[in-house]
Protein backbone atom coordinates (compact mmCIF):
# COMPACT_ATOMS: atom_id res chain seq x y z
CA MET A 1 -24.01 116.54 -150.45
CA HIS A 2 -21.80 113.68 -151.38
CA LEU A 3 -22.98 110.18 -152.62
CA MET A 4 -21.77 107.06 -152.35
CA LEU A 5 -23.24 105.01 -155.02
CA PHE A 6 -23.41 101.04 -155.21
CA ILE A 7 -24.87 99.43 -158.29
CA ASP A 8 -25.05 95.60 -159.07
CA ALA A 9 -23.94 94.66 -162.90
CA LEU A 10 -27.20 94.03 -163.94
CA ARG A 11 -28.81 97.26 -163.23
CA ILE A 12 -25.84 99.00 -164.62
CA ARG A 13 -26.48 96.90 -167.88
CA GLU A 14 -30.41 97.62 -167.97
CA ASP A 15 -30.17 101.08 -166.56
CA GLY A 16 -26.87 102.79 -167.91
CA PRO A 17 -28.14 105.82 -169.89
CA MET A 18 -30.89 106.26 -167.78
CA LEU A 19 -28.40 106.68 -164.51
CA GLN A 20 -25.38 108.63 -166.56
CA GLY A 21 -28.15 111.32 -166.86
CA LEU A 22 -29.33 111.05 -163.70
CA LEU A 23 -26.21 111.49 -161.91
CA LYS A 24 -25.17 114.70 -164.35
CA ARG A 25 -28.72 116.04 -162.88
CA LEU A 26 -27.54 115.49 -159.50
CA GLN A 27 -24.67 117.32 -159.88
CA CYS A 28 -25.34 120.00 -162.02
CA ASN A 29 -29.25 121.19 -160.66
CA HIS A 30 -28.59 119.87 -157.38
CA ASP A 31 -24.95 120.38 -156.43
CA ILE A 32 -24.56 116.37 -155.21
CA THR A 33 -21.52 114.80 -156.19
CA CYS A 34 -21.07 111.32 -156.24
CA SER A 35 -18.29 108.34 -155.78
CA LEU A 36 -19.24 104.88 -157.66
CA VAL A 37 -18.49 102.02 -156.38
CA LEU A 38 -17.70 99.10 -159.02
CA PRO A 39 -17.62 95.19 -158.15
CA ASP A 40 -14.47 94.00 -157.46
CA GLU A 41 -14.76 91.30 -160.35
CA LEU A 42 -16.28 93.59 -163.27
CA PRO A 43 -18.00 91.57 -165.99
CA GLU A 44 -15.67 92.26 -169.00
CA ASP A 45 -18.60 93.96 -170.98
CA LEU A 46 -18.35 96.55 -168.04
CA HIS A 47 -14.72 97.53 -168.24
CA TRP A 48 -15.52 100.91 -169.88
CA LEU A 49 -16.83 101.99 -165.94
CA GLN A 50 -13.22 101.94 -164.94
CA GLU A 51 -12.15 104.99 -167.05
CA HIS A 52 -15.90 106.64 -167.43
CA GLY A 53 -17.77 105.65 -164.05
CA LEU A 54 -21.13 106.57 -165.64
CA GLY A 55 -20.07 110.21 -165.08
CA ALA A 56 -19.50 110.17 -161.23
CA ASP A 57 -16.92 112.26 -159.18
CA ALA A 58 -14.89 109.50 -158.48
CA VAL A 59 -14.66 105.82 -159.10
CA LEU A 60 -13.75 103.37 -156.07
CA GLU A 61 -13.16 100.16 -156.35
CA MET A 62 -15.08 97.47 -153.99
CA PRO A 63 -12.45 95.12 -152.08
CA PRO A 64 -13.37 91.81 -152.29
CA SER A 65 -16.27 90.52 -150.22
CA GLY A 66 -17.76 87.53 -148.79
CA PRO A 67 -19.08 86.89 -145.31
CA LEU A 68 -19.87 89.30 -142.45
CA TRP A 69 -16.21 89.95 -141.25
CA ILE A 70 -14.81 90.16 -144.54
CA ARG A 71 -17.81 92.65 -145.72
CA GLN A 72 -16.75 94.69 -142.38
CA ARG A 73 -13.01 95.01 -143.85
CA ALA A 74 -14.13 96.06 -147.37
CA ALA A 75 -16.34 98.51 -145.89
CA GLN A 76 -13.35 99.65 -143.58
CA SER A 77 -11.31 100.01 -146.99
CA LEU A 78 -14.13 102.30 -148.81
CA ALA A 79 -14.51 104.28 -146.16
CA SER A 80 -10.35 105.17 -146.05
CA GLN A 81 -10.80 105.96 -149.56
CA VAL A 82 -13.38 108.65 -148.88
CA HIS A 83 -11.86 110.03 -145.44
CA ARG A 84 -11.10 113.39 -146.72
CA ASN A 85 -15.00 114.03 -148.05
CA PRO A 86 -17.24 111.07 -146.15
CA PRO A 87 -20.47 110.75 -147.82
CA ASP A 88 -23.56 111.98 -145.99
CA VAL A 89 -25.87 109.07 -147.49
CA VAL A 90 -25.06 105.65 -149.32
CA LEU A 91 -27.19 104.54 -151.84
CA CYS A 92 -27.58 100.71 -153.35
CA ILE A 93 -29.39 100.54 -157.06
CA GLY A 94 -30.15 96.61 -157.12
CA THR A 95 -29.79 94.37 -154.45
CA GLY A 96 -26.78 92.59 -155.94
CA LEU A 97 -24.27 94.51 -153.69
CA HIS A 98 -26.86 95.28 -150.52
CA PRO A 99 -24.93 93.22 -147.60
CA GLU A 100 -21.96 95.41 -149.07
CA ALA A 101 -23.47 98.92 -149.12
CA GLU A 102 -25.21 98.32 -145.95
CA ALA A 103 -21.74 97.38 -144.36
CA THR A 104 -20.27 100.56 -145.47
CA ALA A 105 -22.91 102.56 -144.18
CA ARG A 106 -22.61 100.83 -140.66
CA HIS A 107 -19.17 101.77 -140.60
CA LEU A 108 -19.30 105.24 -142.21
CA GLU A 109 -22.38 105.68 -139.47
CA CYS A 110 -24.71 107.52 -142.37
CA PRO A 111 -28.02 106.24 -143.72
CA VAL A 112 -28.15 104.00 -146.72
CA ILE A 113 -30.89 103.88 -149.30
CA VAL A 114 -31.86 100.82 -151.34
CA SER A 115 -33.53 100.65 -154.56
CA ALA A 116 -35.78 97.89 -155.21
CA TRP A 117 -36.41 96.70 -158.88
CA THR A 118 -37.99 93.31 -158.95
CA ILE A 119 -40.32 91.58 -156.66
CA GLU A 120 -37.41 89.51 -155.18
CA ASP A 121 -35.61 92.57 -154.26
CA THR A 122 -38.52 93.85 -152.27
CA LYS A 123 -38.56 90.34 -150.19
CA LEU A 124 -35.39 91.64 -148.97
CA ALA A 125 -36.78 94.46 -146.98
CA SER A 126 -36.90 94.44 -143.53
CA ALA A 127 -38.12 96.89 -140.41
CA LYS A 128 -35.26 95.34 -138.70
CA MET A 129 -32.43 97.40 -141.01
CA GLU A 130 -31.86 100.13 -139.03
CA HIS A 131 -29.40 101.81 -141.15
CA VAL A 132 -31.74 101.89 -144.31
CA GLY A 133 -32.95 105.59 -144.27
CA ALA A 134 -35.71 104.67 -147.30
CA TRP A 135 -36.44 101.96 -149.79
CA VAL A 136 -37.75 103.26 -153.53
CA ALA A 137 -39.08 101.21 -155.99
CA PRO A 138 -39.41 102.48 -159.84
CA THR A 139 -43.28 101.80 -159.76
CA PRO A 140 -46.37 102.16 -157.23
CA ALA A 141 -46.75 98.32 -157.39
CA LEU A 142 -43.48 97.65 -156.21
CA ALA A 143 -43.24 100.61 -153.86
CA SER A 144 -46.70 99.01 -152.20
CA ARG A 145 -44.85 95.61 -151.87
CA LEU A 146 -42.16 97.42 -149.93
CA VAL A 147 -44.64 99.24 -147.86
CA ARG A 148 -46.38 95.81 -146.76
CA ARG A 149 -42.97 94.75 -145.15
CA VAL A 150 -41.65 98.54 -143.89
CA GLY A 151 -44.51 100.48 -143.51
CA THR A 152 -45.15 104.14 -145.12
CA ASP A 153 -42.56 106.08 -143.73
CA ILE A 154 -39.41 104.86 -145.35
CA VAL A 155 -40.88 103.99 -149.11
CA GLN A 156 -40.63 106.06 -151.88
CA CYS A 157 -41.78 105.67 -155.73
CA ILE A 158 -39.54 107.36 -158.09
CA ARG A 159 -40.09 106.48 -161.65
CA PRO A 160 -37.18 106.36 -163.89
CA GLY A 161 -36.56 109.18 -165.92
CA ILE A 162 -36.30 108.73 -169.96
CA GLU A 163 -34.78 111.15 -172.57
CA LEU A 164 -37.25 112.09 -175.62
CA PRO A 165 -34.98 112.18 -178.50
CA ASP A 166 -34.46 115.52 -180.22
CA THR A 167 -36.49 114.00 -183.44
CA ALA A 168 -39.02 111.46 -183.93
CA ASN A 169 -37.56 107.89 -184.75
CA HIS A 170 -39.73 107.18 -187.69
CA GLU A 171 -40.11 103.68 -189.13
CA LEU A 172 -37.29 102.93 -191.64
CA GLY A 173 -40.30 101.79 -194.41
CA LEU A 174 -38.24 98.59 -195.03
CA ALA A 175 -38.25 95.19 -194.11
CA PRO A 176 -40.46 94.87 -191.01
CA THR A 177 -38.39 94.47 -188.03
CA LEU A 178 -39.17 93.20 -184.93
CA ALA A 179 -37.39 92.60 -181.33
CA LEU A 180 -38.38 89.71 -179.16
CA LEU A 181 -37.03 90.41 -175.81
CA ALA A 182 -36.15 87.64 -173.12
CA CYS A 183 -36.49 84.30 -174.62
CA ASP A 184 -35.13 82.50 -171.38
CA GLY A 185 -38.18 84.26 -169.37
CA ASP A 186 -41.80 82.44 -169.57
CA PRO A 187 -41.49 79.62 -171.23
CA ASP A 188 -45.27 78.91 -172.09
CA VAL A 189 -45.22 82.78 -172.92
CA VAL A 190 -42.31 82.38 -175.31
CA GLN A 191 -43.79 79.12 -176.97
CA GLY A 192 -47.08 80.99 -177.52
CA VAL A 193 -45.16 83.90 -179.27
CA LEU A 194 -42.87 81.40 -181.50
CA ALA A 195 -46.24 79.69 -182.46
CA GLY A 196 -47.73 82.66 -183.62
CA LEU A 197 -44.86 83.91 -185.58
CA GLU A 198 -44.81 80.75 -187.66
CA PRO A 199 -48.13 81.77 -190.00
CA VAL A 200 -46.88 85.68 -189.52
CA VAL A 201 -43.82 85.12 -191.33
CA GLY A 202 -45.99 83.12 -194.00
CA ILE A 203 -47.95 86.36 -194.67
CA LEU A 204 -44.86 88.79 -194.33
CA PRO A 205 -41.78 86.84 -195.58
CA ASP A 206 -39.43 89.85 -195.27
CA LEU A 207 -40.22 90.31 -191.77
CA GLN A 208 -36.67 89.95 -190.01
CA ILE A 209 -36.52 89.04 -185.88
CA CYS A 210 -33.84 89.74 -183.71
CA MET A 211 -33.81 87.49 -180.52
CA GLU A 212 -32.34 87.96 -176.91
CA LEU A 213 -31.19 84.51 -176.21
CA ASP A 214 -28.92 83.75 -172.82
CA ALA A 215 -26.28 81.91 -173.79
CA ALA A 216 -27.21 79.55 -170.79
CA ASP A 217 -30.88 79.64 -170.87
CA GLY A 218 -32.14 80.22 -174.46
CA HIS A 219 -31.38 76.78 -176.07
CA GLN A 220 -35.02 75.70 -175.82
CA ALA A 221 -36.27 79.11 -177.39
CA TRP A 222 -33.91 78.39 -180.17
CA ARG A 223 -34.89 74.92 -180.87
CA GLN A 224 -38.74 75.87 -181.25
CA ALA A 225 -37.65 78.46 -183.36
CA ASP A 226 -35.84 75.96 -185.82
CA ALA A 227 -39.08 73.60 -185.46
CA ARG A 228 -41.22 76.23 -186.54
CA GLY A 229 -38.77 77.20 -189.55
CA LEU A 230 -37.91 80.68 -188.38
CA LEU A 231 -34.43 80.80 -188.76
CA ASP A 232 -34.23 82.52 -191.72
CA HIS A 233 -35.65 85.31 -190.24
CA VAL A 234 -33.56 85.35 -186.73
CA SER A 235 -30.78 86.55 -185.73
CA THR A 236 -29.69 86.76 -182.10
CA ILE A 237 -27.73 89.07 -179.33
CA ALA A 238 -27.27 87.84 -175.63
CA ASP A 239 -27.70 90.89 -173.75
CA ALA A 240 -30.13 93.34 -176.01
CA THR A 241 -28.76 96.29 -173.67
CA GLN A 242 -25.24 95.97 -175.67
CA VAL A 243 -27.47 97.06 -178.87
CA ARG A 244 -30.20 99.12 -177.01
CA ASN A 245 -29.96 101.53 -179.71
CA LEU A 246 -30.75 98.81 -182.62
CA MET A 247 -33.28 97.23 -180.34
CA THR A 248 -35.14 100.50 -180.10
CA THR A 249 -35.07 101.07 -183.70
CA CYS A 250 -37.15 97.76 -184.50
CA ASP A 251 -40.94 98.55 -185.71
CA LEU A 252 -42.26 96.23 -183.00
CA ILE A 253 -40.94 95.41 -179.32
CA VAL A 254 -42.30 91.56 -178.10
CA HIS A 255 -42.26 91.21 -174.14
CA PRO A 256 -42.77 88.10 -173.28
CA HIS A 257 -42.46 88.71 -169.61
CA ARG A 258 -45.27 88.38 -166.95
CA GLY A 259 -42.58 89.07 -164.25
CA THR A 260 -41.42 92.16 -162.64
CA ARG A 261 -38.08 92.89 -164.94
CA VAL A 262 -37.77 96.43 -164.87
CA ARG A 263 -35.98 97.25 -168.20
CA THR A 264 -35.46 100.92 -169.33
CA MET A 265 -34.77 99.84 -172.52
CA VAL A 266 -38.25 98.93 -172.83
CA LEU A 267 -38.98 102.86 -171.91
CA GLU A 268 -36.49 104.39 -173.96
CA ALA A 269 -38.28 102.00 -177.03
CA MET A 270 -41.43 103.61 -176.19
CA ALA A 271 -39.77 107.22 -175.36
CA ALA A 272 -38.70 106.58 -179.55
CA GLY A 273 -41.79 105.67 -180.66
CA ARG A 274 -41.92 101.96 -180.81
CA THR A 275 -44.44 99.70 -180.53
CA ILE A 276 -44.71 97.38 -177.64
CA LEU A 277 -46.37 93.87 -177.59
CA SER A 278 -46.18 92.35 -174.15
CA ALA A 279 -47.86 89.71 -171.97
CA PRO A 280 -49.67 91.24 -168.70
CA SER A 281 -47.56 92.50 -165.77
CA GLN A 282 -49.50 94.05 -163.45
CA GLU A 283 -46.39 95.72 -161.96
CA LEU A 284 -45.11 97.71 -164.96
CA ASP A 285 -47.37 100.70 -164.90
CA TRP A 286 -46.39 101.97 -168.06
CA LEU A 287 -47.72 98.75 -170.16
CA VAL A 288 -51.67 100.02 -170.50
CA ASP A 289 -53.64 98.09 -172.87
CA GLY A 290 -54.76 100.00 -175.92
CA LYS A 291 -53.10 103.37 -174.87
CA THR A 292 -49.10 102.37 -174.36
CA ALA A 293 -49.01 98.78 -175.44
CA VAL A 294 -50.92 95.80 -176.81
CA ILE A 295 -51.06 93.49 -173.91
CA VAL A 296 -52.06 89.58 -174.96
CA GLU A 297 -53.29 87.95 -172.18
CA GLY A 298 -53.20 83.68 -173.21
CA THR A 299 -50.36 81.72 -174.28
CA SER A 300 -51.50 80.28 -177.72
CA GLY A 301 -50.06 80.88 -180.43
CA GLU A 302 -53.11 81.70 -182.46
CA GLU A 303 -53.83 84.73 -180.02
CA TRP A 304 -50.00 86.24 -180.49
CA ALA A 305 -50.39 85.53 -184.26
CA ALA A 306 -53.66 87.83 -184.25
CA ALA A 307 -51.85 90.58 -181.88
CA LEU A 308 -48.78 90.60 -184.39
CA LEU A 309 -50.61 90.64 -187.90
CA GLN A 310 -52.62 93.36 -186.28
CA LEU A 311 -49.88 95.47 -185.67
CA LEU A 312 -47.25 94.50 -188.42
CA GLU A 313 -50.32 95.05 -190.76
CA HIS A 314 -51.83 98.19 -189.94
CA PRO A 315 -49.22 101.00 -189.40
CA GLY A 316 -51.76 103.18 -188.58
CA HIS A 317 -52.60 101.05 -185.13
CA ARG A 318 -48.64 100.96 -184.40
CA LEU A 319 -48.80 105.02 -184.79
CA SER A 320 -51.84 105.10 -182.46
CA ILE A 321 -49.87 103.07 -179.79
CA SER A 322 -46.56 104.59 -180.06
CA SER A 323 -48.04 107.97 -179.87
CA GLY A 324 -49.92 107.14 -176.44
CA ALA A 325 -46.45 105.39 -175.40
CA THR A 326 -44.62 108.72 -176.00
CA GLU A 327 -46.30 110.59 -174.70
CA ARG A 328 -47.09 108.98 -171.33
CA ILE A 329 -42.99 109.13 -171.14
CA ALA A 330 -43.04 112.50 -171.74
CA ASP A 331 -45.79 112.94 -168.74
CA LEU A 332 -44.76 110.76 -166.19
CA HIS A 333 -40.92 109.97 -166.81
CA ASP A 334 -39.46 113.57 -166.96
CA PRO A 335 -35.66 113.07 -166.25
CA ASP A 336 -35.51 116.37 -164.30
CA GLN A 337 -38.63 115.20 -162.05
CA GLN A 338 -36.87 112.18 -161.36
CA ALA A 339 -33.46 114.01 -160.31
CA ALA A 340 -35.30 116.49 -158.24
CA GLY A 341 -37.07 113.77 -156.59
CA TRP A 342 -34.05 111.40 -155.90
CA ALA A 343 -32.60 115.33 -154.62
CA LYS A 344 -35.07 115.67 -152.29
CA LEU A 345 -35.05 112.15 -150.72
CA LEU A 346 -31.22 112.39 -150.69
CA ALA A 347 -31.51 115.76 -148.76
CA GLY A 348 -34.41 114.34 -146.41
CA VAL A 349 -32.80 110.74 -145.47
CA SER A 350 -29.26 112.82 -144.64
CA GLU A 351 -31.39 115.01 -142.33
CA GLY A 352 -33.54 112.06 -141.00
CA VAL A 353 -36.55 113.12 -142.43
CA SER A 354 -38.76 110.80 -144.06
CA TYR A 355 -41.65 111.64 -146.87
CA PRO A 356 -44.03 108.53 -146.49
CA PHE A 357 -45.66 106.60 -149.66
CA THR A 358 -48.95 106.90 -150.47
CA GLY A 359 -49.64 104.65 -152.83
CA GLN A 360 -51.81 107.68 -154.95
CA GLU A 361 -49.61 108.69 -157.69
CA ARG A 362 -51.03 109.05 -161.17
CA SER A 363 -51.21 106.39 -163.34
């Protein structure tokens, strides 16, 4: 089987290691080859894809896109690049390139599968999209949202597959470290976390904090950190996915986001035995309070300070939570099971078979 794969820049950044492992397993274990279509204006930090292509068999460059007639010309150009070995299925991961992927599938007269990773992605789903053979979500909750829009017959839940480290990544035992993700996210939650950190650094003066601050939207969080006297403890990174190996070695990962931002980096941290402290998010089923993470329901500084100290001052509590997280990754996010699920779906869609989503997967 030959797969044509469209991935938008956001999902390449967020899920690059997972996707590379998936493509390798599809090829080695299921005899599925892949042609990867790259965006026509590839961001500078992703230029390495032009050579490595996530391990895909071929790398294709997306022609400039735009209105419908330009997309049709782009689809024709892509089709000409694979005319010797036309794809059986087009797969679009993330919705940034969804119009181009659907136009190409129409031109090739083959089905397209769309993988939706956010609530916003699910809102694009429509039963009128006749060339879409399946909609796929990484969590049962997002899959259920898709079902409400297109029915059960063309919806699947395939969880991200995460590699477990060969050896346990023990804490370094030096100054405690904390990674604060998505500081451009929910302002009230971020404000509560920073308010909670003010008394924490008074008790733990060696605490090191790495904040993920978007250059365009993170100025408010920076000013709040400055006002609370945290800057002596803070280092910043614009995009945590660029230093994911460093971020996932922190003692504590703080996820102050109530939305459905699926970040496989958080799953990688769980696999590595790191402890997750998060705002509530019903869509992310891997964050289970008291078992795989600690959930802070409110936004007050007092609530966040209490949760932070409970974890930072009690290594045994961190170990209990992180062990539960690692067990869940091993149980429900096995990369071989992910690849097998995708291989079954790809084969079924190419043959016109559907596998109805029941919404009764284990949680």
